[in-house]
Amino acid sequence: MTSKRKVSKPKKNKLLTISAVFVTAVVFTISSFFISMAIIGRKAVKYYEQKAQVIIFFDKETPEEEIFAVRDKLNDEELVETIDYISQEDALEVYKEDFADNPDLISTITADALPPSLEVKAVSIDALIEVIDIVNQEKSTNAYIDDVMYFKDVVDNLRTLSRIINIGGGILIASLLLITFFLIRVTIGLNIKIHQEEIKIMHLVGGTDTFIKTPFLIEGALYGIIGGFMAASMIIIPWYLVVYSSLNTDYWYWISQVLNDFNLKFLNRFNILFVLIYYLIHVGFGAILGIVSSYSAVNKYLKEK
């Protein structure tokens, strides 16, 4: 009976150790995913808020004086922050900047193929609603206006999605971190019980609490470090596999443009500085979680003793 008990405890502790590392890796992977989505969501909202909120496209043959007449009608300081005229030549320059990585597309487009436009940015969301009403009224009577693009719905939808990700992700991450905390705590606690005789001897020979705690704190930190490293690898490696397998495809060209627009250019290619920081963040938070969890376990044991 005694020998079985001695064998079962190490086996049980080994299983808990593997579980602690695995759960930590899964938790950090899920947490990293939701945090990344939240960051991208904020970047997207900021990007579209800085862009013109209403773009009025005119027929290619529209005289400039007709465009300026519409601009003057909309140019109300109480409603409009900026209103910019984009000529066909200006539109071509923007097009060249957007598709600088694809010379074939640039060579097939001339200024005559692009419509002139007015880009309007309102002073507030309430003002934007009024501006949209004015633009719609003008469009219904002005034959030169070909189309109108609104970004209000895009911004509102992105804000809503960002809030859902932040709230839902926050609750999920907190719950998973709590589970990980208690799993590491139980693992360390079981390990303490296995070594309770050695700990008693250390106390008897004058071993300090710090001396006794340190190995268990290091053990907890290692669980977190390994879990954090595995989590970073489970995200970074698949991402760069997708990047390099999709290069020179239309799909990746669209993705890279979005990343450039959102000021996330470092995700387009392998970036050693970003990878190092990414791993350090995961490993650092893993170590902190492991130390806090193991400290709770050893502190509880020493108080009981």
Protein backbone atom coordinates (compact mmCIF):
# COMPACT_ATOMS: atom_id res chain seq x y z
CA MET A 1 0.00 0.00 0.00
CA THR A 2 2.76 2.39 0.93
CA SER A 3 4.74 1.82 -2.24
CA LYS A 4 1.65 2.41 -4.40
CA ARG A 5 0.95 5.66 -2.67
CA LYS A 6 4.51 6.82 -3.23
CA VAL A 7 4.32 5.98 -6.92
CA SER A 8 0.89 7.53 -7.48
CA LYS A 9 1.78 10.92 -6.05
CA PRO A 10 4.69 11.63 -8.42
CA LYS A 11 2.60 10.39 -11.33
CA LYS A 12 -0.29 12.60 -10.31
CA ASN A 13 2.04 15.56 -9.86
CA LYS A 14 3.63 14.94 -13.27
CA LEU A 15 0.18 14.93 -14.87
CA LEU A 16 -0.73 18.17 -13.09
CA THR A 17 2.58 19.71 -14.19
CA ILE A 18 1.89 18.90 -17.84
CA SER A 19 -1.69 20.14 -17.44
CA ALA A 20 -0.51 23.40 -15.85
CA VAL A 21 1.92 24.10 -18.71
CA PHE A 22 -0.60 23.10 -21.40
CA VAL A 23 -3.47 25.14 -19.91
CA THR A 24 -1.16 28.14 -19.48
CA ALA A 25 -0.19 27.90 -23.16
CA VAL A 26 -3.83 27.65 -24.27
CA VAL A 27 -4.91 30.53 -22.02
CA PHE A 28 -2.13 32.79 -23.27
CA THR A 29 -2.88 31.85 -26.89
CA ILE A 30 -6.57 32.74 -26.50
CA SER A 31 -5.72 35.90 -24.53
CA SER A 32 -3.18 36.98 -27.15
CA PHE A 33 -5.72 36.42 -29.93
CA PHE A 34 -8.41 38.58 -28.27
CA ILE A 35 -5.92 41.29 -27.32
CA SER A 36 -4.61 41.35 -30.91
CA MET A 37 -8.17 41.62 -32.24
CA ALA A 38 -8.86 44.49 -29.82
CA ILE A 39 -5.72 46.33 -30.98
CA ILE A 40 -6.59 45.82 -34.65
CA GLY A 41 -10.15 47.00 -33.93
CA ARG A 42 -8.87 50.21 -32.36
CA LYS A 43 -6.47 50.75 -35.26
CA ALA A 44 -9.33 50.28 -37.73
CA VAL A 45 -11.61 52.74 -35.89
CA LYS A 46 -8.81 55.31 -35.71
CA TYR A 47 -8.01 54.86 -39.40
CA TYR A 48 -11.58 55.37 -40.59
CA GLU A 49 -12.19 58.24 -38.18
CA GLN A 50 -9.22 60.06 -39.70
CA LYS A 51 -10.45 59.45 -43.23
CA ALA A 52 -13.13 61.50 -44.90
CA GLN A 53 -16.52 60.45 -43.54
CA VAL A 54 -18.40 61.29 -46.76
CA ILE A 55 -16.95 61.09 -50.26
CA ILE A 56 -18.93 62.60 -53.14
CA PHE A 57 -17.94 61.23 -56.55
CA PHE A 58 -18.73 63.29 -59.65
CA ASP A 59 -19.02 62.34 -63.30
CA LYS A 60 -15.66 62.42 -65.06
CA GLU A 61 -16.81 65.24 -67.35
CA THR A 62 -18.07 67.49 -64.53
CA PRO A 63 -16.76 71.08 -64.81
CA GLU A 64 -14.72 72.17 -61.81
CA GLU A 65 -17.01 75.15 -61.16
CA GLU A 66 -19.92 72.73 -60.61
CA ILE A 67 -17.85 70.78 -58.06
CA PHE A 68 -16.83 74.01 -56.33
CA ALA A 69 -20.48 75.07 -56.19
CA VAL A 70 -21.35 71.89 -54.28
CA ARG A 71 -18.33 72.44 -52.04
CA ASP A 72 -19.53 75.95 -51.19
CA LYS A 73 -23.00 74.66 -50.30
CA LEU A 74 -21.51 72.14 -47.86
CA ASN A 75 -18.86 74.41 -46.41
CA ASP A 76 -20.62 75.22 -43.12
CA GLU A 77 -18.16 75.77 -40.24
CA GLU A 78 -20.70 74.53 -37.70
CA LEU A 79 -21.03 71.19 -39.50
CA VAL A 80 -17.90 70.58 -41.55
CA GLU A 81 -14.36 70.34 -40.23
CA THR A 82 -12.65 69.88 -43.61
CA ILE A 83 -13.77 69.53 -47.21
CA ASP A 84 -11.15 68.68 -49.81
CA TYR A 85 -11.39 68.66 -53.59
CA ILE A 86 -9.65 65.64 -55.17
CA SER A 87 -9.11 66.24 -58.88
CA GLN A 88 -8.60 63.40 -61.35
CA GLU A 89 -4.84 64.01 -61.24
CA ASP A 90 -4.89 63.93 -57.43
CA ALA A 91 -6.93 60.72 -57.53
CA LEU A 92 -4.31 59.17 -59.81
CA GLU A 93 -1.53 60.06 -57.34
CA VAL A 94 -3.50 58.47 -54.49
CA TYR A 95 -4.07 55.40 -56.64
CA LYS A 96 -0.34 55.14 -57.38
CA GLU A 97 0.49 55.36 -53.67
CA ASP A 98 -2.07 52.71 -52.75
CA PHE A 99 -0.88 50.28 -55.44
CA ALA A 100 2.83 51.11 -55.41
CA ASP A 101 3.65 47.41 -55.01
CA ASN A 102 1.75 46.47 -58.16
CA PRO A 103 3.15 48.33 -61.21
CA ASP A 104 0.92 46.38 -63.60
CA LEU A 105 -2.20 47.96 -62.12
CA ILE A 106 -0.66 51.44 -62.17
CA SER A 107 0.35 51.17 -65.84
CA THR A 108 -3.24 50.47 -66.91
CA ILE A 109 -4.82 53.51 -65.20
CA THR A 110 -4.78 57.13 -66.31
CA ALA A 111 -6.22 60.24 -64.68
CA ASP A 112 -9.13 60.29 -67.16
CA ALA A 113 -10.34 56.94 -65.82
CA LEU A 114 -10.75 58.24 -62.25
CA PRO A 115 -13.60 60.49 -61.07
CA PRO A 116 -13.09 63.81 -59.28
CA SER A 117 -14.49 63.94 -55.76
CA LEU A 118 -15.09 65.93 -52.60
CA GLU A 119 -13.98 64.43 -49.28
CA VAL A 120 -15.98 65.75 -46.33
CA LYS A 121 -15.20 65.33 -42.65
CA ALA A 122 -17.80 66.52 -40.14
CA VAL A 123 -17.02 68.11 -36.78
CA SER A 124 -19.01 65.44 -34.91
CA ILE A 125 -21.23 62.40 -35.45
CA ASP A 126 -24.36 64.55 -34.96
CA ALA A 127 -23.08 67.03 -37.53
CA LEU A 128 -22.27 64.15 -39.87
CA ILE A 129 -25.93 63.10 -39.89
CA GLU A 130 -26.90 66.60 -41.01
CA VAL A 131 -24.15 66.63 -43.64
CA ILE A 132 -25.41 63.30 -45.03
CA ASP A 133 -28.94 64.72 -45.28
CA ILE A 134 -27.66 67.75 -47.16
CA VAL A 135 -25.56 65.59 -49.50
CA ASN A 136 -28.53 63.29 -50.22
CA GLN A 137 -30.73 66.28 -51.05
CA GLU A 138 -28.04 67.65 -53.35
CA LYS A 139 -27.59 64.27 -55.05
CA SER A 140 -31.31 64.03 -55.80
CA THR A 141 -31.20 67.31 -57.77
CA ASN A 142 -27.63 67.44 -59.09
CA ALA A 143 -27.05 65.33 -62.18
CA TYR A 144 -23.27 65.73 -61.91
CA ILE A 145 -23.08 63.68 -58.67
CA ASP A 146 -22.45 60.07 -59.63
CA ASP A 147 -22.19 58.36 -56.24
CA VAL A 148 -21.77 59.03 -52.52
CA MET A 149 -19.80 56.89 -50.06
CA TYR A 150 -20.48 57.06 -46.31
CA PHE A 151 -18.08 55.89 -43.62
CA LYS A 152 -20.36 56.51 -40.63
CA ASP A 153 -21.76 52.98 -40.67
CA VAL A 154 -18.27 51.54 -41.03
CA VAL A 155 -16.99 53.45 -37.99
CA ASP A 156 -20.09 52.66 -35.91
CA ASN A 157 -19.91 48.96 -36.76
CA LEU A 158 -16.20 48.83 -35.97
CA ARG A 159 -16.79 50.56 -32.64
CA THR A 160 -19.54 48.07 -31.76
CA LEU A 161 -17.36 45.12 -32.77
CA SER A 162 -14.43 46.56 -30.81
CA ARG A 163 -16.58 46.90 -27.66
CA ILE A 164 -17.84 43.32 -28.02
CA ILE A 165 -14.28 42.03 -28.39
CA ASN A 166 -13.05 44.12 -25.44
CA ILE A 167 -15.87 43.12 -23.07
CA GLY A 168 -16.29 39.51 -24.16
CA GLY A 169 -12.56 38.94 -24.49
CA GLY A 170 -11.89 40.58 -21.13
CA ILE A 171 -14.37 38.32 -19.33
CA LEU A 172 -13.04 35.20 -21.06
CA ILE A 173 -9.40 36.10 -20.41
CA ALA A 174 -10.07 36.86 -16.73
CA SER A 175 -11.88 33.54 -16.29
CA LEU A 176 -9.14 31.55 -18.01
CA LEU A 177 -6.37 33.31 -16.07
CA LEU A 178 -8.19 32.45 -12.83
CA ILE A 179 -8.36 28.79 -13.86
CA THR A 180 -4.65 28.82 -14.71
CA PHE A 181 -3.82 30.50 -11.39
CA PHE A 182 -5.58 27.79 -9.39
CA LEU A 183 -4.19 24.96 -11.52
CA ILE A 184 -0.60 26.11 -10.97
CA ARG A 185 -1.43 26.69 -7.31
CA VAL A 186 -2.76 23.12 -6.92
CA THR A 187 0.26 21.70 -8.79
CA ILE A 188 2.73 23.53 -6.54
CA GLY A 189 0.66 22.63 -3.46
CA LEU A 190 0.82 18.93 -4.33
CA ASN A 191 4.54 19.20 -4.93
CA ILE A 192 4.93 20.80 -1.49
CA LYS A 193 3.05 17.90 0.11
CA ILE A 194 5.30 15.40 -1.66
CA HIS A 195 8.35 17.16 -0.19
CA GLN A 196 6.85 17.99 3.19
CA GLU A 197 9.37 15.79 5.06
CA GLU A 198 12.31 17.60 3.46
CA ILE A 199 10.67 20.95 4.23
CA LYS A 200 10.24 19.99 7.90
CA ILE A 201 13.91 19.04 8.11
CA MET A 202 14.88 22.37 6.54
CA HIS A 203 12.81 24.17 9.16
CA LEU A 204 14.47 22.17 11.94
CA VAL A 205 18.00 22.99 10.73
CA GLY A 206 17.18 26.70 10.53
CA GLY A 207 16.18 27.11 6.90
CA THR A 208 14.47 30.44 6.28
CA ASP A 209 11.05 30.81 4.67
CA THR A 210 12.67 32.54 1.68
CA PHE A 211 15.10 29.65 1.19
CA ILE A 212 12.24 27.13 1.30
CA LYS A 213 9.92 29.18 -0.96
CA THR A 214 12.44 29.95 -3.71
CA PRO A 215 12.53 26.55 -5.49
CA PHE A 216 8.73 26.44 -5.64
CA LEU A 217 8.55 30.01 -6.91
CA ILE A 218 11.07 29.12 -9.62
CA GLU A 219 9.02 26.03 -10.48
CA GLY A 220 5.85 28.12 -10.86
CA ALA A 221 7.72 30.69 -12.94
CA LEU A 222 8.97 27.91 -15.24
CA TYR A 223 5.40 26.69 -15.81
CA GLY A 224 4.41 30.20 -16.86
CA ILE A 225 7.53 30.78 -18.98
CA ILE A 226 7.14 27.51 -20.89
CA GLY A 227 3.41 28.11 -21.33
CA GLY A 228 4.02 31.68 -22.53
CA PHE A 229 6.71 30.54 -24.97
CA MET A 230 4.43 27.84 -26.38
CA ALA A 231 1.56 30.34 -26.74
CA ALA A 232 3.73 32.86 -28.62
CA SER A 233 4.97 30.06 -30.90
CA MET A 234 1.41 28.85 -31.60
CA ILE A 235 0.57 32.30 -32.97
CA ILE A 236 3.81 33.57 -34.51
CA ILE A 237 4.79 30.43 -36.44
CA PRO A 238 1.38 29.88 -38.15
CA TRP A 239 1.17 33.60 -38.96
CA TYR A 240 4.51 33.71 -40.78
CA LEU A 241 3.71 30.43 -42.53
CA VAL A 242 0.56 32.11 -43.89
CA VAL A 243 2.54 35.24 -44.82
CA TYR A 244 5.20 33.44 -46.82
CA SER A 245 2.82 30.95 -48.43
CA SER A 246 0.52 33.80 -49.58
CA LEU A 247 3.13 36.21 -50.97
CA ASN A 248 2.43 37.53 -54.48
CA THR A 249 -1.23 36.50 -54.33
CA ASP A 250 -4.20 38.84 -54.66
CA TYR A 251 -5.39 37.73 -51.23
CA TRP A 252 -2.13 38.70 -49.55
CA TYR A 253 -1.91 41.96 -51.48
CA TRP A 254 -5.26 43.00 -50.01
CA ILE A 255 -4.21 41.93 -46.49
CA SER A 256 -0.91 43.81 -46.74
CA GLN A 257 -2.72 46.97 -47.84
CA VAL A 258 -5.01 46.74 -44.80
CA LEU A 259 -2.02 46.22 -42.49
CA ASN A 260 -0.27 49.23 -44.03
CA ASP A 261 -3.38 51.38 -43.61
CA PHE A 262 -3.69 50.37 -39.95
CA ASN A 263 0.00 51.14 -39.33
CA LEU A 264 0.85 47.46 -38.76
CA LYS A 265 3.48 47.18 -41.48
CA PHE A 266 5.76 45.05 -39.26
CA LEU A 267 3.32 42.13 -39.76
CA ASN A 268 3.88 42.09 -43.53
CA ARG A 269 7.34 40.53 -43.28
CA PHE A 270 9.43 38.77 -40.64
CA ASN A 271 10.48 41.43 -38.12
CA ILE A 272 13.02 40.23 -35.57
CA LEU A 273 12.38 43.11 -33.15
CA PHE A 274 8.62 42.48 -33.14
CA VAL A 275 9.14 38.72 -32.66
CA LEU A 276 11.52 39.26 -29.73
CA ILE A 277 9.14 41.72 -28.04
CA TYR A 278 6.20 39.38 -28.67
CA TYR A 279 7.99 36.44 -27.05
CA LEU A 280 9.26 38.56 -24.15
CA ILE A 281 5.74 39.81 -23.37
CA HIS A 282 4.31 36.28 -23.33
CA VAL A 283 7.20 34.82 -21.34
CA GLY A 284 7.21 37.77 -18.92
CA PHE A 285 3.49 37.59 -18.17
CA GLY A 286 3.76 33.81 -17.90
CA ALA A 287 6.55 34.12 -15.34
CA ILE A 288 4.55 36.66 -13.32
CA LEU A 289 1.44 34.46 -13.34
CA GLY A 290 3.48 31.42 -12.32
CA ILE A 291 5.26 33.25 -9.49
CA VAL A 292 2.02 34.72 -8.13
CA SER A 293 0.29 31.32 -8.24
CA SER A 294 3.17 29.45 -6.60
CA TYR A 295 3.65 32.19 -3.99
CA SER A 296 0.02 31.76 -2.99
CA ALA A 297 0.55 28.00 -2.60
CA VAL A 298 3.82 28.14 -0.59
CA ASN A 299 2.53 30.99 1.56
CA LYS A 300 -0.54 28.95 2.45
CA TYR A 301 1.58 25.91 3.34
CA LEU A 302 4.02 27.86 5.53
CA LYS A 303 1.14 29.49 7.40
CA GLU A 304 -0.36 26.06 8.07
CA LYS A 305 2.99 24.87 9.36
